[in-house]
């Protein structure tokens, strides 16, 4: 989501900033932050990233 090609705490920060501060980045970054592709950046996306980091779950890229 942060654009560095890795799933890490930077991605969590970007999602939290989008949720709380209503920050937006490039179209590509916003698309990556919307992990479940529902058109919103929210706690569901945050959960997907946490699961990827902690549980090693894959994030679908389609």
Protein backbone atom coordinates (compact mmCIF):
# COMPACT_ATOMS: atom_id res chain seq x y z
CA UNK A 1 0.00 0.00 0.00
CA UNK A 2 2.84 2.35 0.74
CA UNK A 3 4.34 1.45 -2.62
CA UNK A 4 7.50 -0.24 -1.38
CA UNK A 5 6.41 -3.74 -2.43
CA UNK A 6 6.37 -5.07 1.15
CA UNK A 7 3.56 -5.59 3.64
CA UNK A 8 4.66 -3.92 6.87
CA UNK A 9 3.87 -1.26 9.47
CA UNK A 10 4.15 1.48 6.83
CA UNK A 11 1.04 0.05 5.19
CA UNK A 12 -0.80 0.14 8.51
CA UNK A 13 0.17 3.80 8.94
CA UNK A 14 -1.10 4.70 5.48
CA UNK A 15 -4.45 3.00 6.13
CA UNK A 16 -4.83 4.63 9.56
CA UNK A 17 -4.00 8.05 8.07
CA UNK A 18 -6.61 7.48 5.37
CA UNK A 19 -9.21 6.45 7.95
CA UNK A 20 -8.55 9.06 10.64
CA UNK A 21 -7.01 11.99 8.79
CA UNK A 22 -8.84 11.36 5.50
CA UNK A 23 -5.50 11.49 3.70
CA UNK A 24 -5.28 10.44 0.06
CA UNK A 25 -2.31 9.56 -2.04
CA UNK A 26 -1.80 8.62 -5.66
CA UNK A 27 -4.51 6.63 -7.40
CA UNK A 28 -2.28 3.54 -7.35
CA UNK A 29 -1.62 3.87 -3.62
CA UNK A 30 -5.30 4.43 -2.84
CA UNK A 31 -6.14 1.33 -4.85
CA UNK A 32 -3.54 -0.67 -2.93
CA UNK A 33 -4.85 0.64 0.41
CA UNK A 34 -8.35 -0.57 -0.48
CA UNK A 35 -7.25 -4.15 0.12
CA UNK A 36 -10.69 -5.77 -0.24
CA UNK A 37 -11.58 -3.61 -3.28
CA UNK A 38 -14.90 -2.30 -1.93
CA UNK A 39 -14.18 1.35 -2.79
CA UNK A 40 -13.48 2.35 0.83
CA UNK A 41 -10.33 2.46 2.93
CA UNK A 42 -11.44 1.28 6.37
CA UNK A 43 -10.90 -1.12 9.27
CA UNK A 44 -11.58 -4.12 7.03
CA UNK A 45 -8.54 -3.20 4.93
CA UNK A 46 -6.53 -2.69 8.12
CA UNK A 47 -7.53 -6.17 9.27
CA UNK A 48 -6.38 -7.72 5.99
CA UNK A 49 -2.95 -6.09 6.34
CA UNK A 50 -2.62 -7.17 9.98
CA UNK A 51 -3.55 -10.74 9.01
CA UNK A 52 -0.94 -10.66 6.25
CA UNK A 53 1.73 -9.42 8.65
CA UNK A 54 0.91 -11.57 11.67
CA UNK A 55 -0.62 -14.71 10.20
CA UNK A 56 1.12 -14.70 6.83
CA UNK A 57 -2.19 -14.62 4.96
CA UNK A 58 -1.93 -13.66 1.32
CA UNK A 59 -3.64 -10.53 0.05
CA UNK A 60 -5.41 -11.09 -3.26
CA UNK A 61 -4.20 -8.81 -6.02
CA UNK A 62 -7.08 -9.12 -8.50
